[in-house]
Protein backbone atom coordinates (compact mmCIF):
# COMPACT_ATOMS: atom_id res chain seq x y z
CA UNK A 1 -29.69 -44.41 -70.58
CA UNK A 2 -32.60 -43.22 -72.69
CA UNK A 3 -31.84 -43.59 -76.41
CA UNK A 4 -28.45 -42.01 -77.15
CA UNK A 5 -28.70 -39.37 -74.40
CA UNK A 6 -26.75 -39.59 -71.12
CA UNK A 7 -29.00 -38.44 -68.27
CA UNK A 8 -27.52 -37.75 -64.82
CA UNK A 9 -29.34 -37.51 -61.54
CA UNK A 10 -29.11 -34.30 -59.54
CA UNK A 11 -27.03 -36.07 -56.93
CA UNK A 12 -24.66 -37.51 -59.55
CA UNK A 13 -24.12 -34.15 -61.21
CA UNK A 14 -23.62 -32.46 -57.86
CA UNK A 15 -21.09 -35.08 -56.86
CA UNK A 16 -19.13 -34.56 -60.05
CA UNK A 17 -19.14 -30.80 -59.51
CA UNK A 18 -18.07 -31.30 -55.90
CA UNK A 19 -15.14 -33.49 -56.91
CA UNK A 20 -14.13 -31.02 -59.62
CA UNK A 21 -14.26 -27.95 -57.37
CA UNK A 22 -12.66 -29.54 -54.35
CA UNK A 23 -9.84 -31.01 -56.44
CA UNK A 24 -9.31 -27.71 -58.24
CA UNK A 25 -9.49 -25.45 -55.17
CA UNK A 26 -8.24 -27.41 -52.11
CA UNK A 27 -6.67 -24.27 -50.60
CA UNK A 28 -7.23 -20.71 -51.70
CA UNK A 29 -7.02 -17.12 -50.40
CA UNK A 30 -10.02 -14.93 -51.11
CA UNK A 31 -10.44 -11.27 -50.25
CA UNK A 32 -13.68 -9.36 -49.92
CA UNK A 33 -16.09 -7.56 -47.64
CA UNK A 34 -18.08 -9.40 -44.96
CA UNK A 35 -21.87 -9.17 -45.16
CA UNK A 36 -24.77 -11.03 -43.52
CA UNK A 37 -22.52 -12.24 -40.69
CA UNK A 38 -24.40 -14.61 -38.36
CA UNK A 39 -23.02 -16.36 -35.26
CA UNK A 40 -25.19 -19.22 -34.00
CA UNK A 41 -25.42 -20.84 -30.58
CA UNK A 42 -23.42 -23.79 -31.87
CA UNK A 43 -20.44 -21.48 -32.26
CA UNK A 44 -20.43 -21.77 -36.06
CA UNK A 45 -20.49 -18.54 -38.07
CA UNK A 46 -21.95 -18.05 -41.55
CA UNK A 47 -21.38 -15.01 -43.76
CA UNK A 48 -20.88 -13.83 -47.32
CA UNK A 49 -17.75 -12.43 -48.91
CA UNK A 50 -18.54 -9.97 -51.67
CA UNK A 51 -17.00 -7.45 -54.00
CA UNK A 52 -18.51 -5.21 -56.67
CA UNK A 53 -19.23 -8.08 -59.06
CA UNK A 54 -19.82 -11.29 -57.10
CA UNK A 55 -20.36 -12.92 -53.72
CA UNK A 56 -19.25 -16.14 -52.06
CA UNK A 57 -20.91 -17.99 -49.17
CA UNK A 58 -18.53 -18.86 -46.32
CA UNK A 59 -18.65 -20.90 -43.14
CA UNK A 60 -16.34 -20.53 -40.13
CA UNK A 61 -16.67 -23.50 -37.80
CA UNK A 62 -16.42 -23.08 -34.02
CA UNK A 63 -12.97 -24.61 -33.51
CA UNK A 64 -11.51 -22.14 -36.03
CA UNK A 65 -13.50 -19.16 -34.82
CA UNK A 66 -12.18 -19.50 -31.28
CA UNK A 67 -8.67 -18.75 -32.55
CA UNK A 68 -9.56 -15.36 -33.99
CA UNK A 69 -8.13 -12.37 -32.10
CA UNK A 70 -10.70 -9.94 -33.53
CA UNK A 71 -14.48 -9.95 -33.96
CA UNK A 72 -15.74 -10.36 -37.59
CA UNK A 73 -18.50 -7.91 -38.49
CA UNK A 74 -20.42 -6.69 -41.54
CA UNK A 75 -18.51 -4.22 -43.67
CA UNK A 76 -15.08 -5.45 -42.55
CA UNK A 77 -12.59 -6.10 -45.36
CA UNK A 78 -10.82 -9.39 -44.81
CA UNK A 79 -8.73 -12.09 -46.41
CA UNK A 80 -10.02 -15.63 -45.96
CA UNK A 81 -8.06 -18.83 -46.45
CA UNK A 82 -9.79 -22.18 -46.88
CA UNK A 83 -11.08 -24.84 -49.24
CA UNK A 84 -14.05 -24.80 -51.65
CA UNK A 85 -16.69 -27.36 -50.84
CA UNK A 86 -20.12 -28.18 -52.30
CA UNK A 87 -23.15 -28.28 -49.97
CA UNK A 88 -25.20 -30.89 -51.83
CA UNK A 89 -28.45 -30.43 -49.87
CA UNK A 90 -28.77 -26.88 -51.22
CA UNK A 91 -26.83 -27.22 -54.41
CA UNK A 92 -24.45 -24.48 -53.33
CA UNK A 93 -20.72 -24.16 -53.08
CA UNK A 94 -19.07 -22.43 -50.14
CA UNK A 95 -15.67 -21.56 -48.74
CA UNK A 96 -14.82 -23.42 -45.53
CA UNK A 97 -12.65 -20.83 -43.79
CA UNK A 98 -9.53 -21.94 -41.93
CA UNK A 99 -7.92 -18.53 -41.41
CA UNK A 100 -9.40 -15.04 -41.40
CA UNK A 101 -7.32 -11.86 -41.33
CA UNK A 102 -8.40 -8.21 -41.53
CA UNK A 103 -7.00 -6.11 -44.35
CA UNK A 104 -5.00 -3.02 -43.36
CA UNK A 105 -4.65 -3.40 -39.58
CA UNK A 106 -3.37 -6.73 -38.30
CA UNK A 107 -5.65 -9.01 -36.35
CA UNK A 108 -4.12 -8.04 -32.98
CA UNK A 109 -4.33 -4.31 -33.69
CA UNK A 110 -7.96 -4.66 -34.74
CA UNK A 111 -8.80 -6.76 -31.70
CA UNK A 112 -7.12 -4.15 -29.46
CA UNK A 113 -9.11 -1.32 -31.04
CA UNK A 114 -12.41 -3.23 -30.83
CA UNK A 115 -12.01 -4.16 -27.15
CA UNK A 116 -10.76 -0.70 -26.21
CA UNK A 117 -13.77 0.97 -27.83
CA UNK A 118 -16.21 -1.43 -26.14
CA UNK A 119 -14.73 -1.10 -22.62
CA UNK A 120 -14.43 2.66 -22.96
CA UNK A 121 -18.10 2.85 -23.88
CA UNK A 122 -18.88 0.93 -20.67
CA UNK A 123 -16.98 3.52 -18.60
CA UNK A 124 -14.15 1.26 -17.43
CA UNK A 125 -11.57 3.90 -18.39
CA UNK A 126 -13.31 6.82 -16.64
CA UNK A 127 -11.09 8.92 -14.37
CA UNK A 128 -13.89 9.08 -11.78
CA UNK A 129 -13.49 5.39 -10.94
CA UNK A 130 -9.71 5.60 -10.45
CA UNK A 131 -8.63 5.25 -6.80
CA UNK A 132 -5.74 6.84 -4.93
CA UNK A 133 -2.91 4.57 -3.84
CA UNK A 134 -2.41 4.16 -0.07
CA UNK A 135 0.44 6.34 1.23
CA UNK A 136 1.84 3.67 3.54
CA UNK A 137 0.68 0.21 2.40
CA UNK A 138 1.32 -2.63 4.84
CA UNK A 139 0.83 -5.51 2.37
CA UNK A 140 1.52 -5.42 -1.39
CA UNK A 141 0.27 -8.04 -3.87
CA UNK A 142 2.26 -8.76 -7.06
CA UNK A 143 0.79 -10.61 -10.07
CA UNK A 144 3.55 -11.69 -12.44
CA UNK A 145 5.75 -14.61 -13.47
CA UNK A 146 7.63 -15.99 -10.43
CA UNK A 147 10.73 -16.59 -12.56
CA UNK A 148 10.78 -13.31 -14.50
CA UNK A 149 13.27 -10.48 -14.18
CA UNK A 150 10.39 -8.07 -13.53
CA UNK A 151 9.69 -9.68 -10.14
CA UNK A 152 13.35 -9.49 -9.12
CA UNK A 153 13.47 -5.81 -10.08
CA UNK A 154 10.34 -4.98 -8.07
CA UNK A 155 11.54 -6.87 -4.97
CA UNK A 156 14.92 -5.12 -5.14
CA UNK A 157 13.34 -1.66 -5.34
CA UNK A 158 10.87 -2.35 -2.51
CA UNK A 159 13.56 -3.88 -0.32
CA UNK A 160 15.82 -0.86 -0.82
CA UNK A 161 13.08 1.65 -0.07
CA UNK A 162 11.11 -0.12 2.68
CA UNK A 163 12.20 -3.68 3.37
CA UNK A 164 9.80 -4.19 6.30
CA UNK A 165 6.72 -4.37 4.04
CA UNK A 166 4.80 -7.61 3.59
CA UNK A 167 4.64 -8.84 -0.03
CA UNK A 168 2.35 -11.55 -1.41
CA UNK A 169 3.29 -12.96 -4.83
CA UNK A 170 0.61 -14.58 -6.99
CA UNK A 171 2.69 -16.37 -9.61
CA UNK A 172 1.19 -16.97 -13.05
CA UNK A 173 2.09 -17.22 -16.71
CA UNK A 174 2.23 -13.85 -18.44
CA UNK A 175 2.23 -14.94 -22.08
CA UNK A 176 0.95 -17.76 -24.23
CA UNK A 177 -2.31 -19.68 -24.40
CA UNK A 178 -4.21 -19.55 -21.10
CA UNK A 179 -2.02 -16.81 -19.56
CA UNK A 180 -4.86 -14.27 -19.46
CA UNK A 181 -7.06 -16.62 -17.42
CA UNK A 182 -4.22 -17.22 -14.93
CA UNK A 183 -3.58 -13.48 -14.53
CA UNK A 184 -7.27 -12.81 -13.89
CA UNK A 185 -7.46 -15.63 -11.34
CA UNK A 186 -4.33 -14.36 -9.55
CA UNK A 187 -5.96 -10.92 -9.19
CA UNK A 188 -9.09 -12.51 -7.73
CA UNK A 189 -7.03 -14.69 -5.36
CA UNK A 190 -5.16 -11.68 -3.92
CA UNK A 191 -8.41 -9.79 -3.41
CA UNK A 192 -9.85 -12.81 -1.62
CA UNK A 193 -7.15 -12.46 1.07
CA UNK A 194 -8.88 -9.28 2.24
CA UNK A 195 -5.82 -7.48 3.66
CA UNK A 196 -3.83 -6.61 0.53
CA UNK A 197 -3.60 -2.81 0.26
CA UNK A 198 -2.47 -2.47 -3.37
CA UNK A 199 -1.78 -4.74 -6.37
CA UNK A 200 0.95 -4.56 -9.04
CA UNK A 201 0.02 -6.45 -12.23
CA UNK A 202 2.67 -6.69 -14.93
CA UNK A 203 5.67 -8.19 -16.64
CA UNK A 204 8.79 -7.15 -18.55
CA UNK A 205 8.94 -5.99 -22.15
CA UNK A 206 8.24 -8.00 -25.29
CA UNK A 207 6.47 -8.00 -28.64
CA UNK A 208 2.77 -7.29 -29.09
CA UNK A 209 2.14 -11.05 -29.12
CA UNK A 210 4.16 -11.48 -25.88
CA UNK A 211 2.14 -8.79 -24.09
CA UNK A 212 -1.21 -9.86 -25.53
CA UNK A 213 -2.47 -11.53 -22.33
CA UNK A 214 -2.81 -8.03 -20.83
CA UNK A 215 -5.06 -7.04 -23.75
CA UNK A 216 -7.57 -9.80 -23.04
CA UNK A 217 -11.04 -8.89 -21.79
CA UNK A 218 -10.89 -11.35 -18.87
CA UNK A 219 -7.87 -9.48 -17.42
CA UNK A 220 -9.52 -6.09 -17.93
CA UNK A 221 -12.66 -7.28 -16.10
CA UNK A 222 -10.63 -8.70 -13.21
CA UNK A 223 -8.74 -5.40 -12.76
CA UNK A 224 -11.97 -3.41 -12.87
CA UNK A 225 -13.54 -5.68 -10.23
CA UNK A 226 -10.55 -5.53 -7.86
CA UNK A 227 -11.35 -4.13 -4.42
CA UNK A 228 -7.70 -3.09 -3.92
CA UNK A 229 -6.18 -0.36 -6.15
CA UNK A 230 -4.27 -1.80 -9.12
CA UNK A 231 -1.05 -0.53 -10.75
CA UNK A 232 -0.51 -1.79 -14.31
CA UNK A 233 3.20 -2.28 -15.08
CA UNK A 234 3.42 -4.04 -18.44
CA UNK A 235 6.50 -3.91 -20.65
CA UNK A 236 8.46 -0.73 -21.27
CA UNK A 237 7.36 2.88 -21.30
CA UNK A 238 6.32 2.77 -24.98
CA UNK A 239 4.11 -0.33 -24.51
CA UNK A 240 0.40 0.35 -23.97
CA UNK A 241 -2.15 -2.34 -23.09
CA UNK A 242 -5.84 -2.52 -22.23
CA UNK A 243 -4.79 -3.22 -18.63
CA UNK A 244 -3.14 0.23 -18.51
CA UNK A 245 -6.45 1.94 -19.33
CA UNK A 246 -8.48 -0.02 -16.76
CA UNK A 247 -5.98 0.09 -13.87
CA UNK A 248 -6.08 2.82 -11.23
CA UNK A 249 -2.54 3.85 -12.19
CA UNK A 250 -0.19 2.97 -15.04
CA UNK A 251 3.54 2.63 -14.39
CA UNK A 252 5.99 2.77 -17.32
CA UNK A 253 7.94 -0.26 -16.04
CA UNK A 254 7.68 -2.81 -13.21
CA UNK A 255 10.52 -1.07 -11.36
CA UNK A 256 8.69 2.24 -11.62
CA UNK A 257 5.58 0.56 -10.18
CA UNK A 258 7.59 -0.54 -7.14
CA UNK A 259 8.85 3.03 -6.69
CA UNK A 260 5.30 4.39 -6.88
CA UNK A 261 3.82 1.98 -4.36
CA UNK A 262 6.28 2.72 -1.51
CA UNK A 263 7.72 6.01 -0.31
CA UNK A 264 11.38 6.57 0.45
CA UNK A 265 12.17 4.91 3.77
CA UNK A 266 14.71 7.56 4.70
CA UNK A 267 12.15 10.33 4.22
CA UNK A 268 9.79 8.57 6.62
CA UNK A 269 12.55 7.96 9.16
CA UNK A 270 13.68 11.60 8.95
CA UNK A 271 10.12 12.77 9.57
CA UNK A 272 9.82 10.49 12.61
CA UNK A 273 13.17 11.65 13.97
CA UNK A 274 12.08 15.28 13.63
CA UNK A 275 8.85 14.56 15.47
CA UNK A 276 10.76 12.81 18.26
CA UNK A 277 13.11 15.75 18.69
CA UNK A 278 10.19 18.15 18.87
CA UNK A 279 8.50 15.94 21.46
CA UNK A 280 11.67 15.70 23.54
CA UNK A 281 12.03 19.48 23.53
CA UNK A 282 8.39 19.93 24.51
CA UNK A 283 8.81 17.57 27.49
CA UNK A 284 12.30 18.43 28.76
CA UNK A 285 12.15 22.22 28.46
CA UNK A 286 9.55 22.68 31.25
CA UNK A 287 11.55 20.35 33.51
CA UNK A 288 14.75 22.32 32.92
CA UNK A 289 12.96 25.61 33.59
CA UNK A 290 11.47 24.28 36.83
CA UNK A 291 14.82 22.96 38.04
CA UNK A 292 16.41 26.34 37.34
CA UNK A 293 13.68 28.14 39.31
CA UNK A 294 14.15 25.74 42.25
CA UNK A 295 17.91 26.34 42.26
CA UNK A 296 17.38 30.09 42.23
CA UNK A 297 14.91 29.84 45.14
CA UNK A 298 17.27 27.72 47.23
CA UNK A 299 20.11 30.17 46.58
CA UNK A 300 17.98 33.15 47.61
CA UNK A 301 16.82 31.29 50.72
CA UNK A 302 20.41 30.55 51.73
CA UNK A 303 21.46 34.14 51.28
CA UNK A 304 18.49 35.32 53.33
CA UNK A 305 19.25 32.94 56.22
CA UNK A 306 22.92 33.95 56.38
CA UNK A 307 22.02 37.65 56.40
CA UNK A 308 19.52 37.19 59.20
CA UNK A 309 22.05 35.24 61.26
CA UNK A 310 24.64 37.98 60.82
CA UNK A 311 22.15 40.65 61.92
CA UNK A 312 21.11 38.70 65.02
CA UNK A 313 24.74 37.95 65.93
CA UNK A 314 25.56 41.63 65.61
CA UNK A 315 22.74 42.57 67.95
CA UNK A 316 23.88 39.93 70.48
CA UNK A 317 27.38 41.28 70.35
CA UNK A 318 26.13 44.81 71.05
CA UNK A 319 24.15 43.55 74.02
CA UNK A 320 27.12 41.64 75.37
CA UNK A 321 29.30 44.73 75.20
CA UNK A 322 26.65 46.86 76.92
CA UNK A 323 26.34 44.23 79.64
CA UNK A 324 30.04 44.10 80.17
CA UNK A 325 30.22 47.87 80.47
CA UNK A 326 27.53 47.95 83.21
CA UNK A 327 28.95 47.10 86.67
CA UNK A 328 25.93 47.13 89.03
CA UNK A 329 24.37 43.73 89.71
CA UNK A 330 20.92 44.90 88.71
CA UNK A 331 22.17 45.99 85.34
CA UNK A 332 23.85 42.62 85.06
CA UNK A 333 20.61 40.89 85.95
CA UNK A 334 18.62 43.12 83.62
CA UNK A 335 21.14 42.59 80.92
CA UNK A 336 20.93 38.83 81.47
CA UNK A 337 17.14 38.98 81.10
CA UNK A 338 17.40 41.01 77.96
CA UNK A 339 19.93 38.53 76.65
CA UNK A 340 17.57 35.66 77.34
CA UNK A 341 14.79 37.46 75.54
CA UNK A 342 17.05 38.18 72.64
CA UNK A 343 18.14 34.53 72.66
CA UNK A 344 14.55 33.34 72.62
CA UNK A 345 13.75 35.82 69.89
CA UNK A 346 16.76 34.62 67.97
CA UNK A 347 15.67 31.03 68.31
CA UNK A 348 12.17 31.94 67.21
CA UNK A 349 13.48 33.84 64.19
CA UNK A 350 15.73 30.94 63.30
CA UNK A 351 12.89 28.43 63.67
CA UNK A 352 10.53 30.52 61.55
CA UNK A 353 13.18 31.07 58.90
CA UNK A 354 13.97 27.36 58.89
CA UNK A 355 10.27 26.39 58.63
CA UNK A 356 9.68 28.88 55.84
CA UNK A 357 12.69 27.62 53.92
CA UNK A 358 11.69 23.96 54.42
CA UNK A 359 8.17 24.74 53.22
CA UNK A 360 9.44 26.41 50.04
CA UNK A 361 11.88 23.57 49.33
CA UNK A 362 9.15 20.96 49.96
CA UNK A 363 6.79 22.75 47.54
CA UNK A 364 9.47 22.86 44.86
CA UNK A 365 10.31 19.18 45.40
CA UNK A 366 6.61 18.25 45.20
CA UNK A 367 6.22 20.13 41.90
CA UNK A 368 9.34 18.47 40.51
CA UNK A 369 8.18 15.05 41.73
CA UNK A 370 4.81 15.46 39.98
CA UNK A 371 6.66 15.73 36.66
CA UNK A 372 8.91 12.72 37.30
CA UNK A 373 8.31 9.52 35.27
CA UNK A 374 8.52 7.62 38.60
CA UNK A 375 5.48 9.53 39.86
CA UNK A 376 3.60 8.44 36.74
CA UNK A 377 4.49 4.85 37.56
CA UNK A 378 3.27 5.44 41.08
CA UNK A 379 -0.20 6.29 39.78
CA UNK A 380 -0.57 2.77 38.34
CA UNK A 381 0.99 3.20 34.92
CA UNK A 382 3.82 1.03 33.58
CA UNK A 383 6.66 1.27 31.03
CA UNK A 384 7.27 -1.60 28.59
CA UNK A 385 10.71 -2.38 27.15
CA UNK A 386 11.04 -4.53 24.01
CA UNK A 387 13.65 -7.26 23.27
CA UNK A 388 16.29 -4.60 22.47
CA UNK A 389 15.41 -2.74 25.72
CA UNK A 390 13.77 0.02 23.73
CA UNK A 391 10.53 1.58 24.87
CA UNK A 392 7.49 -0.01 23.21
CA UNK A 393 5.24 2.75 21.81
CA UNK A 394 3.10 0.75 19.37
CA UNK A 395 1.74 -2.76 19.04
CA UNK A 396 3.81 -3.01 15.86
CA UNK A 397 7.08 -2.77 17.87
CA UNK A 398 6.70 -6.34 19.20
CA UNK A 399 5.43 -9.62 17.84
CA UNK A 400 3.76 -12.64 19.33
CA UNK A 401 6.20 -14.83 21.24
CA UNK A 402 8.70 -12.04 22.03
CA UNK A 403 9.81 -11.30 25.60
CA UNK A 404 9.25 -7.84 27.07
CA UNK A 405 10.04 -6.19 30.43
CA UNK A 406 7.35 -4.15 32.20
CA UNK A 407 8.64 -1.53 34.66
CA UNK A 408 6.30 -0.79 37.60
CA UNK A 409 6.37 1.67 40.49
CA UNK A 410 7.69 -1.15 42.63
CA UNK A 411 9.77 -3.70 40.77
CA UNK A 412 9.31 -5.05 37.22
CA UNK A 413 7.70 -7.96 35.34
CA UNK A 414 9.25 -10.22 32.71
CA UNK A 415 6.46 -11.06 30.22
CA UNK A 416 5.96 -12.83 26.93
CA UNK A 417 3.64 -11.41 24.26
CA UNK A 418 0.87 -13.77 23.24
CA UNK A 419 -0.72 -11.43 20.71
CA UNK A 420 -0.29 -7.89 19.35
CA UNK A 421 -3.29 -6.05 18.00
CA UNK A 422 -4.17 -2.55 16.88
CA UNK A 423 -7.26 -2.09 19.10
CA UNK A 424 -6.72 0.25 22.03
CA UNK A 425 -8.50 -1.50 24.92
CA UNK A 426 -7.77 1.12 27.57
CA UNK A 427 -8.56 0.17 31.20
CA UNK A 428 -11.13 2.26 33.09
CA UNK A 429 -9.43 4.50 35.61
């Protein structure tokens, strides 16, 4: 006290103003335009809210800033909720922001637009980087909730179309806090296996908030980095996510993704059956033609032999009659000599005809034998029968531990498969 005047210190006056402001404005909504936005290494952000007539300093601490779905920037019109506090060291008052929402678009819509524009500028949506799906994948990876209806739908479709495929499921949460990180890790885990041909990443329908994990940057980056082609199957046909733009192919629903990744089994089986019929015709037709030619040759040979025998017999009969008609002994003797010559000639003709016929039959049999599967076995090859006694044509027809039967030229072998591999280690012949 100095005389009758009350003199306050700067700190005392500031404290009174602080108490007055903080008691009067413990919670308030303020709208304005962001300017001078600064984000520091500590994670705290400082900016100014302004309109045409005034401005207000604001602070957004790290723990609150992490919850924002969008990125604050200069020129963005927002609504801020918080409390008014006095910063005594500078003699300033400021709004400590608890919530921050964009005006016009909602926070999620703005965050979607911001991330989409940024990733598009990086080229992650370019058609040139999209890859074709494999026509006949052997192993399919699925990233989704293990308890969701979407997984059941996909497994049902794949099982109906091509049940023999191998499927690896990377279960994860598909909504809520931390779901995006789990989805991204599941994508990386499936790629780490090294033998997954294609990935399906998705879930069933829901609200924008339910599907938001598939709009997170960490999921988009994981899809872009995947070595295997990725099908995005999120929600229903009308739902669009960032994952759809980054993926190699977008499916309108999870069931549609399953239909895209596998072809109709019956179409494949029909094609194989057609090829088998064509192969059978190509192999059996020459054999049938050869057998028909052999039969015709044997028939002609038989007819020729019978005709020759009839001609010779007729000549013998003529000689016998001439001999009988001649009475002198000399004629008898001469006739006997001629008969012996004719007999020898007949025997010679018969022997030559028989040898010629045997040679032709032997040649035909040799040609037929060269086309016989038994002759192939005789050259050192073998025929393998699987557990169902069907011919094994591919290493995929049998598995390790199964019994097979190997047919040889002489006898057979009962064997057990220790390993089946794709490499064709042919023996040197």
